[in-house]
N, C-alpha and C. Protein backbone atom coordinates (compact mmCIF):
# COMPACT_ATOMS: atom_id res chain seq x y z
N UNK A 1 33.11 199.72 101.31
CA UNK A 1 33.27 200.08 99.92
C UNK A 1 34.49 199.40 99.31
N UNK A 2 35.54 199.23 100.13
CA UNK A 2 36.77 198.59 99.65
C UNK A 2 36.49 197.15 99.20
N UNK A 3 35.62 196.44 99.94
CA UNK A 3 35.30 195.05 99.60
C UNK A 3 34.60 194.96 98.25
N UNK A 4 33.72 195.90 97.96
CA UNK A 4 33.02 195.91 96.68
C UNK A 4 34.01 196.12 95.54
N UNK A 5 34.91 197.09 95.73
CA UNK A 5 35.91 197.38 94.71
C UNK A 5 36.82 196.17 94.49
N UNK A 6 37.22 195.53 95.58
CA UNK A 6 38.06 194.33 95.48
C UNK A 6 37.31 193.22 94.76
N UNK A 7 36.03 193.05 95.06
CA UNK A 7 35.23 192.04 94.38
C UNK A 7 35.12 192.30 92.89
N UNK A 8 34.96 193.56 92.52
CA UNK A 8 34.91 193.92 91.10
C UNK A 8 36.23 193.63 90.41
N UNK A 9 37.35 193.90 91.09
CA UNK A 9 38.67 193.63 90.52
C UNK A 9 38.89 192.14 90.33
N UNK A 10 38.47 191.35 91.30
CA UNK A 10 38.60 189.89 91.19
C UNK A 10 37.75 189.37 90.03
N UNK A 11 36.52 189.85 89.93
CA UNK A 11 35.64 189.43 88.84
C UNK A 11 36.23 189.79 87.48
N UNK A 12 36.82 190.96 87.36
CA UNK A 12 37.43 191.39 86.10
C UNK A 12 38.62 190.49 85.75
N UNK A 13 39.43 190.17 86.74
CA UNK A 13 40.58 189.28 86.51
C UNK A 13 40.12 187.89 86.10
N UNK A 14 39.11 187.37 86.77
CA UNK A 14 38.59 186.05 86.41
C UNK A 14 38.08 186.06 84.98
N UNK A 15 37.35 187.10 84.60
CA UNK A 15 36.83 187.18 83.23
C UNK A 15 37.95 187.21 82.19
N UNK A 16 39.09 187.80 82.53
CA UNK A 16 40.22 187.88 81.60
C UNK A 16 41.04 186.60 81.57
N UNK A 17 41.18 185.94 82.71
CA UNK A 17 42.14 184.84 82.85
C UNK A 17 41.52 183.44 82.84
N UNK A 18 40.23 183.34 83.02
CA UNK A 18 39.60 182.03 83.17
C UNK A 18 39.71 181.19 81.91
N UNK A 19 40.14 179.95 82.09
CA UNK A 19 40.11 178.94 81.04
C UNK A 19 39.43 177.72 81.64
N UNK A 20 38.37 177.24 81.01
CA UNK A 20 37.65 176.07 81.49
C UNK A 20 38.30 174.85 80.85
N UNK A 21 38.89 173.98 81.68
CA UNK A 21 39.55 172.77 81.20
C UNK A 21 38.57 171.62 81.35
N UNK A 22 38.30 170.92 80.23
CA UNK A 22 37.33 169.83 80.22
C UNK A 22 38.06 168.53 79.88
N UNK A 23 38.12 167.62 80.82
CA UNK A 23 38.74 166.32 80.60
C UNK A 23 37.63 165.31 80.34
N UNK A 24 37.60 164.78 79.12
CA UNK A 24 36.58 163.82 78.75
C UNK A 24 36.51 163.70 77.24
N UNK A 25 35.40 163.22 76.77
CA UNK A 25 35.23 163.05 75.33
C UNK A 25 34.30 164.09 74.75
N UNK A 26 33.79 163.80 73.56
CA UNK A 26 32.94 164.76 72.84
C UNK A 26 31.67 165.09 73.61
N UNK A 27 31.06 164.10 74.24
CA UNK A 27 29.83 164.33 75.00
C UNK A 27 30.06 165.24 76.20
N UNK A 28 31.12 164.99 76.93
CA UNK A 28 31.46 165.82 78.08
C UNK A 28 31.77 167.25 77.63
N UNK A 29 32.54 167.37 76.56
CA UNK A 29 32.90 168.68 76.04
C UNK A 29 31.66 169.46 75.61
N UNK A 30 30.77 168.81 74.90
CA UNK A 30 29.54 169.46 74.44
C UNK A 30 28.69 169.91 75.63
N UNK A 31 28.55 169.05 76.61
CA UNK A 31 27.76 169.36 77.81
C UNK A 31 28.32 170.58 78.52
N UNK A 32 29.64 170.62 78.73
CA UNK A 32 30.26 171.73 79.43
C UNK A 32 30.20 173.01 78.61
N UNK A 33 30.38 172.91 77.30
CA UNK A 33 30.29 174.11 76.46
C UNK A 33 28.89 174.73 76.53
N UNK A 34 27.86 173.90 76.51
CA UNK A 34 26.48 174.42 76.64
C UNK A 34 26.26 175.03 78.02
N UNK A 35 26.81 174.39 79.05
CA UNK A 35 26.68 174.90 80.41
C UNK A 35 27.38 176.26 80.55
N UNK A 36 28.60 176.36 80.04
CA UNK A 36 29.34 177.62 80.11
C UNK A 36 28.60 178.71 79.34
N UNK A 37 28.10 178.37 78.15
CA UNK A 37 27.36 179.35 77.35
C UNK A 37 26.12 179.84 78.11
N UNK A 38 25.44 178.95 78.82
CA UNK A 38 24.23 179.37 79.55
C UNK A 38 24.59 180.26 80.74
N UNK A 39 25.78 180.09 81.32
CA UNK A 39 26.19 180.91 82.45
C UNK A 39 26.71 182.28 82.01
N UNK A 40 27.26 182.36 80.80
CA UNK A 40 27.80 183.61 80.28
C UNK A 40 26.85 184.17 79.23
N UNK A 41 25.69 184.61 79.67
CA UNK A 41 24.70 185.13 78.73
C UNK A 41 25.14 186.47 78.14
N UNK A 42 25.93 187.22 78.89
CA UNK A 42 26.43 188.49 78.40
C UNK A 42 27.96 188.44 78.41
N UNK A 43 28.56 189.21 77.54
CA UNK A 43 30.01 189.26 77.51
C UNK A 43 30.61 188.12 76.71
N UNK A 44 31.90 188.00 76.82
CA UNK A 44 32.63 187.01 76.05
C UNK A 44 32.75 185.72 76.85
N UNK A 45 32.38 184.62 76.24
CA UNK A 45 32.47 183.32 76.87
C UNK A 45 33.95 182.96 77.07
N UNK A 46 34.32 182.39 78.23
CA UNK A 46 35.72 182.04 78.43
C UNK A 46 36.12 180.88 77.50
N UNK A 47 37.41 180.77 77.19
CA UNK A 47 37.85 179.65 76.36
C UNK A 47 37.64 178.32 77.09
N UNK A 48 37.33 177.30 76.33
CA UNK A 48 37.16 175.95 76.85
C UNK A 48 38.26 175.09 76.24
N UNK A 49 39.09 174.50 77.09
CA UNK A 49 40.22 173.68 76.63
C UNK A 49 39.89 172.21 76.82
N UNK A 50 39.72 171.47 75.72
CA UNK A 50 39.45 170.05 75.86
C UNK A 50 40.72 169.24 76.12
N UNK A 51 40.60 168.28 77.02
CA UNK A 51 41.65 167.29 77.24
C UNK A 51 41.03 165.96 76.82
N UNK A 52 41.46 165.41 75.67
CA UNK A 52 40.78 164.24 75.11
C UNK A 52 41.01 162.96 75.91
N UNK A 53 40.09 162.68 76.84
CA UNK A 53 40.16 161.46 77.65
C UNK A 53 38.94 160.57 77.44
N UNK A 54 38.16 160.84 76.40
CA UNK A 54 36.97 160.05 76.13
C UNK A 54 37.26 158.90 75.19
N UNK A 55 36.20 158.28 74.71
CA UNK A 55 36.37 157.13 73.81
C UNK A 55 36.47 157.54 72.35
N UNK A 56 35.78 158.61 71.95
CA UNK A 56 35.80 159.01 70.55
C UNK A 56 36.77 160.14 70.27
N UNK A 57 36.61 161.24 71.00
CA UNK A 57 37.46 162.42 70.86
C UNK A 57 37.50 162.95 69.42
N UNK A 58 36.35 162.92 68.74
CA UNK A 58 36.29 163.37 67.35
C UNK A 58 36.68 164.84 67.19
N UNK A 59 36.21 165.71 68.10
CA UNK A 59 36.54 167.13 67.99
C UNK A 59 38.05 167.33 68.13
N UNK A 60 38.65 166.69 69.11
CA UNK A 60 40.10 166.84 69.31
C UNK A 60 40.87 166.37 68.09
N UNK A 61 40.42 165.27 67.49
CA UNK A 61 41.09 164.78 66.28
C UNK A 61 40.90 165.75 65.11
N UNK A 62 39.68 166.26 64.96
CA UNK A 62 39.38 167.17 63.86
C UNK A 62 40.16 168.48 63.98
N UNK A 63 40.42 168.91 65.20
CA UNK A 63 41.16 170.15 65.42
C UNK A 63 42.66 169.95 65.38
N UNK A 64 43.10 168.68 65.21
CA UNK A 64 44.52 168.40 65.12
C UNK A 64 45.23 168.26 66.46
N UNK A 65 44.45 168.05 67.53
CA UNK A 65 45.06 167.92 68.85
C UNK A 65 45.40 166.48 69.19
N UNK A 66 44.96 165.55 68.36
CA UNK A 66 45.17 164.13 68.65
C UNK A 66 44.00 163.57 69.43
N UNK A 67 43.93 162.25 69.47
CA UNK A 67 42.80 161.60 70.12
C UNK A 67 43.05 161.14 71.53
N UNK A 68 44.29 161.21 71.98
CA UNK A 68 44.62 160.77 73.33
C UNK A 68 45.63 161.74 73.94
N UNK A 69 45.80 161.61 75.25
CA UNK A 69 46.75 162.44 75.97
C UNK A 69 47.63 161.52 76.80
N UNK A 70 48.94 161.71 76.72
CA UNK A 70 49.86 160.91 77.52
C UNK A 70 49.95 161.47 78.93
N UNK A 71 50.51 160.69 79.83
CA UNK A 71 50.71 161.15 81.20
C UNK A 71 51.57 162.40 81.22
N UNK A 72 52.60 162.45 80.41
CA UNK A 72 53.48 163.62 80.34
C UNK A 72 52.71 164.86 79.89
N UNK A 73 51.84 164.68 78.90
CA UNK A 73 51.05 165.82 78.42
C UNK A 73 50.08 166.32 79.48
N UNK A 74 49.58 165.42 80.33
CA UNK A 74 48.67 165.84 81.41
C UNK A 74 49.37 166.82 82.34
N UNK A 75 50.65 166.61 82.56
CA UNK A 75 51.41 167.50 83.44
C UNK A 75 51.58 168.89 82.85
N UNK A 76 51.50 168.99 81.52
CA UNK A 76 51.67 170.27 80.84
C UNK A 76 50.37 171.07 80.68
N UNK A 77 49.25 170.51 81.09
CA UNK A 77 47.95 171.15 80.86
C UNK A 77 47.86 172.56 81.46
N UNK A 78 48.30 172.79 82.70
CA UNK A 78 48.19 174.17 83.21
C UNK A 78 48.95 175.18 82.35
N UNK A 79 50.13 174.83 81.90
CA UNK A 79 50.91 175.72 81.06
C UNK A 79 50.24 175.91 79.70
N UNK A 80 49.75 174.83 79.11
CA UNK A 80 49.09 174.92 77.81
C UNK A 80 47.81 175.75 77.90
N UNK A 81 47.09 175.61 79.00
CA UNK A 81 45.85 176.38 79.17
C UNK A 81 46.16 177.87 79.30
N UNK A 82 47.25 178.20 79.92
CA UNK A 82 47.60 179.61 80.13
C UNK A 82 48.21 180.24 78.88
N UNK A 83 49.00 179.48 78.14
CA UNK A 83 49.74 180.06 77.03
C UNK A 83 49.18 179.72 75.65
N UNK A 84 48.18 178.85 75.60
CA UNK A 84 47.64 178.43 74.31
C UNK A 84 46.84 179.52 73.63
N UNK A 85 46.56 179.29 72.37
CA UNK A 85 45.73 180.24 71.63
C UNK A 85 44.33 179.66 71.47
N UNK A 86 43.37 180.54 71.34
CA UNK A 86 41.97 180.12 71.23
C UNK A 86 41.53 180.06 69.78
N UNK A 87 40.63 179.16 69.50
CA UNK A 87 40.00 179.05 68.18
C UNK A 87 38.50 178.97 68.39
N UNK A 88 37.76 179.68 67.57
CA UNK A 88 36.30 179.63 67.70
C UNK A 88 35.76 178.38 67.04
N UNK A 89 34.81 177.77 67.73
CA UNK A 89 34.16 176.55 67.23
C UNK A 89 32.65 176.80 67.28
N UNK A 90 31.99 176.53 66.17
CA UNK A 90 30.55 176.68 66.10
C UNK A 90 29.89 175.43 66.68
N UNK A 91 29.13 175.61 67.75
CA UNK A 91 28.45 174.49 68.38
C UNK A 91 26.94 174.67 68.20
N UNK A 92 26.32 173.77 67.49
CA UNK A 92 24.88 173.89 67.28
C UNK A 92 24.14 173.24 68.42
N UNK A 93 22.90 173.64 68.61
CA UNK A 93 22.09 173.09 69.70
C UNK A 93 21.05 172.16 69.16
């Protein structure tokens, strides 16, 4: 019984703390967002953090994040993913 309770606690923590980091461009981001949405049919979808490493990066530019990431900024990704704020984005299918 202890293992079940521990599993439930881990699942609850993952649901609260999970941030999906996507390194790529608009196509990669769209693909992962659709995949995450299909996996989270119930409940709140976890935040998806784009790291603009693609060729276009239109979404990152439109959101004001810039179109590229420097090597220094790559090192800050874990901190930014943990402390950043979320914004809702409407993704059509």
